[in-house]
C-alpha atoms as a PDB file:
ATOM      1  CA  MET A   1     104.072 172.037 -25.661  1.00  0.00           C
ATOM      2  CA  ASP A   2     104.935 173.653 -22.327  1.00  0.00           C
ATOM      3  CA  ASP A   3     106.093 171.797 -19.204  1.00  0.00           C
ATOM      4  CA  LEU A   4     102.674 171.929 -17.526  1.00  0.00           C
ATOM      5  CA  ALA A   5     101.083 170.184 -20.489  1.00  0.00           C
ATOM      6  CA  ARG A   6     103.697 167.433 -20.269  1.00  0.00           C
ATOM      7  CA  MET A   7     103.440 166.951 -16.504  1.00  0.00           C
ATOM      8  CA  PRO A   8     102.130 163.446 -15.848  1.00  0.00           C
ATOM      9  CA  ALA A   9      98.887 163.003 -13.959  1.00  0.00           C
ATOM     10  CA  LEU A  10      99.596 162.334 -10.284  1.00  0.00           C
ATOM     11  CA  THR A  11      97.342 161.517  -7.372  1.00  0.00           C
ATOM     12  CA  SER A  12      97.291 164.240  -4.722  1.00  0.00           C
ATOM     13  CA  ALA A  13      99.433 162.036  -2.474  1.00  0.00           C
ATOM     14  CA  GLU A  14     101.963 161.449  -5.272  1.00  0.00           C
ATOM     15  CA  ALA A  15     102.113 165.197  -5.902  1.00  0.00           C
ATOM     16  CA  ASP A  16     102.719 165.731  -2.175  1.00  0.00           C
ATOM     17  CA  VAL A  17     105.502 163.125  -2.245  1.00  0.00           C
ATOM     18  CA  VAL A  18     107.189 164.866  -5.181  1.00  0.00           C
ATOM     19  CA  ASP A  19     106.787 168.344  -3.673  1.00  0.00           C
ATOM     20  CA  ASN A  20     108.050 167.354  -0.248  1.00  0.00           C
ATOM     21  CA  TYR A  21     110.886 165.241  -1.665  1.00  0.00           C
ATOM     22  CA  LEU A  22     112.122 168.242  -3.637  1.00  0.00           C
ATOM     23  CA  THR A  23     111.783 170.506  -0.609  1.00  0.00           C
ATOM     24  CA  VAL A  24     113.835 168.027   1.431  1.00  0.00           C
ATOM     25  CA  VAL A  25     116.464 168.013  -1.332  1.00  0.00           C
ATOM     26  CA  ASP A  26     116.502 171.825  -1.358  1.00  0.00           C
ATOM     27  CA  CYS A  27     116.943 171.916   2.425  1.00  0.00           C
ATOM     28  CA  LEU A  28     119.801 169.418   2.258  1.00  0.00           C
ATOM     29  CA  GLY A  29     121.425 171.513  -0.463  1.00  0.00           C
ATOM     30  CA  ARG A  30     121.311 174.567   1.808  1.00  0.00           C
ATOM     31  CA  ILE A  31     122.776 172.546   4.685  1.00  0.00           C
ATOM     32  CA  ASN A  32     125.599 170.971   2.638  1.00  0.00           C
ATOM     33  CA  PRO A  33     128.750 172.113   4.484  1.00  0.00           C
ATOM     34  CA  ALA A  34     130.782 171.786   1.291  1.00  0.00           C
ATOM     35  CA  ARG A  35     128.637 174.462  -0.353  1.00  0.00           C
ATOM     36  CA  THR A  36     127.496 176.891   2.327  1.00  0.00           C
ATOM     37  CA  GLU A  37     129.389 179.335   4.473  1.00  0.00           C
ATOM     38  CA  ASP A  38     126.368 180.724   6.338  1.00  0.00           C
ATOM     39  CA  THR A  39     125.646 178.907   9.608  1.00  0.00           C
ATOM     40  CA  TYR A  40     122.313 180.635  10.181  1.00  0.00           C
ATOM     41  CA  ARG A  41     121.027 179.724   6.713  1.00  0.00           C
ATOM     42  CA  ALA A  42     122.086 176.107   7.262  1.00  0.00           C
ATOM     43  CA  LEU A  43     120.381 176.070  10.670  1.00  0.00           C
ATOM     44  CA  VAL A  44     117.095 177.378   9.256  1.00  0.00           C
ATOM     45  CA  ALA A  45     117.281 174.811   6.444  1.00  0.00           C
ATOM     46  CA  ALA A  46     117.901 172.024   8.990  1.00  0.00           C
ATOM     47  CA  GLN A  47     114.845 173.101  10.965  1.00  0.00           C
ATOM     48  CA  LYS A  48     112.729 173.111   7.795  1.00  0.00           C
ATOM     49  CA  LEU A  49     114.190 169.739   6.817  1.00  0.00           C
ATOM     50  CA  ALA A  50     112.659 168.066   9.846  1.00  0.00           C
ATOM     51  CA  ALA A  51     109.197 169.454   9.079  1.00  0.00           C
ATOM     52  CA  HIS A  52     109.303 168.559   5.395  1.00  0.00           C
ATOM     53  CA  ALA A  53     110.683 165.079   6.074  1.00  0.00           C
ATOM     54  CA  ALA A  54     107.653 164.505   8.306  1.00  0.00           C
ATOM     55  CA  GLN A  55     105.346 165.777   5.540  1.00  0.00           C
ATOM     56  CA  LEU A  56     107.056 163.453   3.063  1.00  0.00           C
ATOM     57  CA  ARG A  57     106.566 160.546   5.467  1.00  0.00           C
ATOM     58  CA  ASP A  58     102.897 161.483   5.886  1.00  0.00           C
ATOM     59  CA  ALA A  59     102.341 161.652   2.115  1.00  0.00           C
ATOM     60  CA  LEU A  60     103.867 158.193   1.679  1.00  0.00           C
ATOM     61  CA  ALA A  61     101.785 156.852   4.567  1.00  0.00           C
ATOM     62  CA  LEU A  62      98.647 158.280   2.967  1.00  0.00           C
ATOM     63  CA  MET A  63      99.498 156.596  -0.322  1.00  0.00           C
ATOM     64  CA  PHE A  64      99.947 153.293   1.475  1.00  0.00           C
ATOM     65  CA  GLN A  65      96.695 153.688   3.435  1.00  0.00           C
ATOM     66  CA  ARG A  66      94.801 154.421   0.215  1.00  0.00           C
ATOM     67  CA  GLY A  67      96.126 151.244  -1.331  1.00  0.00           C
ATOM     68  CA  GLU A  68      98.669 153.039  -3.522  1.00  0.00           C
ATOM     69  CA  THR A  69     101.301 150.453  -2.673  1.00  0.00           C
ATOM     70  CA  THR A  70     103.291 150.780  -5.894  1.00  0.00           C
ATOM     71  CA  ILE A  71     105.468 153.774  -6.626  1.00  0.00           C
ATOM     72  CA  HIS A  72     105.294 154.402 -10.352  1.00  0.00           C
ATOM     73  CA  THR A  73     108.946 155.316 -10.762  1.00  0.00           C
ATOM     74  CA  GLY A  74     108.744 156.233 -14.433  1.00  0.00           C
ATOM     75  CA  THR A  75     105.875 158.651 -13.869  1.00  0.00           C
ATOM     76  CA  LEU A  76     107.370 160.203 -10.752  1.00  0.00           C
ATOM     77  CA  ALA A  77     110.825 160.412 -12.348  1.00  0.00           C
ATOM     78  CA  ARG A  78     109.294 162.293 -15.281  1.00  0.00           C
ATOM     79  CA  ALA A  79     107.610 164.726 -12.878  1.00  0.00           C
ATOM     80  CA  LEU A  80     110.903 165.182 -11.015  1.00  0.00           C
ATOM     81  CA  ARG A  81     112.784 165.887 -14.254  1.00  0.00           C
ATOM     82  CA  LEU A  82     110.196 168.482 -15.265  1.00  0.00           C
ATOM     83  CA  LEU A  83     110.581 170.122 -11.855  1.00  0.00           C
ATOM     84  CA  ASP A  84     114.372 170.425 -12.269  1.00  0.00           C
ATOM     85  CA  ALA A  85     115.244 167.748  -9.707  1.00  0.00           C
ATOM     86  CA  GLU A  86     118.623 166.937 -11.271  1.00  0.00           C
ATOM     87  CA  ARG A  87     119.924 170.485 -10.785  1.00  0.00           C
ATOM     88  CA  ARG A  88     118.557 170.561  -7.245  1.00  0.00           C
ATOM     89  CA  ILE A  89     120.084 167.181  -6.367  1.00  0.00           C
ATOM     90  CA  ALA A  90     123.451 168.275  -7.756  1.00  0.00           C
ATOM     91  CA  ARG A  91     123.715 170.701  -4.806  1.00  0.00           C
ATOM     92  CA  LEU A  92     123.950 167.679  -2.489  1.00  0.00           C
ATOM     93  CA  ILE A  93     127.270 166.439  -3.799  1.00  0.00           C
ATOM     94  CA  THR A  94     130.683 167.640  -2.723  1.00  0.00           C
ATOM     95  CA  LEU A  95     132.487 169.798  -5.236  1.00  0.00           C
ATOM     96  CA  PRO A  96     135.716 168.403  -6.694  1.00  0.00           C
ATOM     97  CA  GLU A  97     138.720 169.639  -4.746  1.00  0.00           C
ATOM     98  CA  SER A  98     139.835 171.899  -7.607  1.00  0.00           C
ATOM     99  CA  ARG A  99     136.486 173.775  -7.454  1.00  0.00           C
ATOM    100  CA  THR A 100     136.146 173.853  -3.661  1.00  0.00           C
ATOM    101  CA  PRO A 101     136.488 177.371  -2.236  1.00  0.00           C
ATOM    102  CA  PRO A 102     139.571 177.773  -0.041  1.00  0.00           C
ATOM    103  CA  GLY A 103     139.017 177.164   3.680  1.00  0.00           C
ATOM    104  CA  PRO A 104     139.903 179.502   6.519  1.00  0.00           C
END
């Protein structure tokens, strides 16, 4: 069974929450000063972060307005795992000192 067949059914708002959450995570990973040496790339990611954070907020607001007041964590966690969230989130942490590239 491929990953698409195992993807849980999500409302359109839940799918937007997952998509925008992961985009926010990706932006934060590109901004992480412990992992990037390119100021311009970090700047562009920070600009995108603001837009995607607003889209994430809007998706959550839409869920709430529609009466979707419960976040089904098990279902959304499964979707996040299938979309490789753990690898993407790992870019947010600081590398151990022994693996940190030498500074200037």
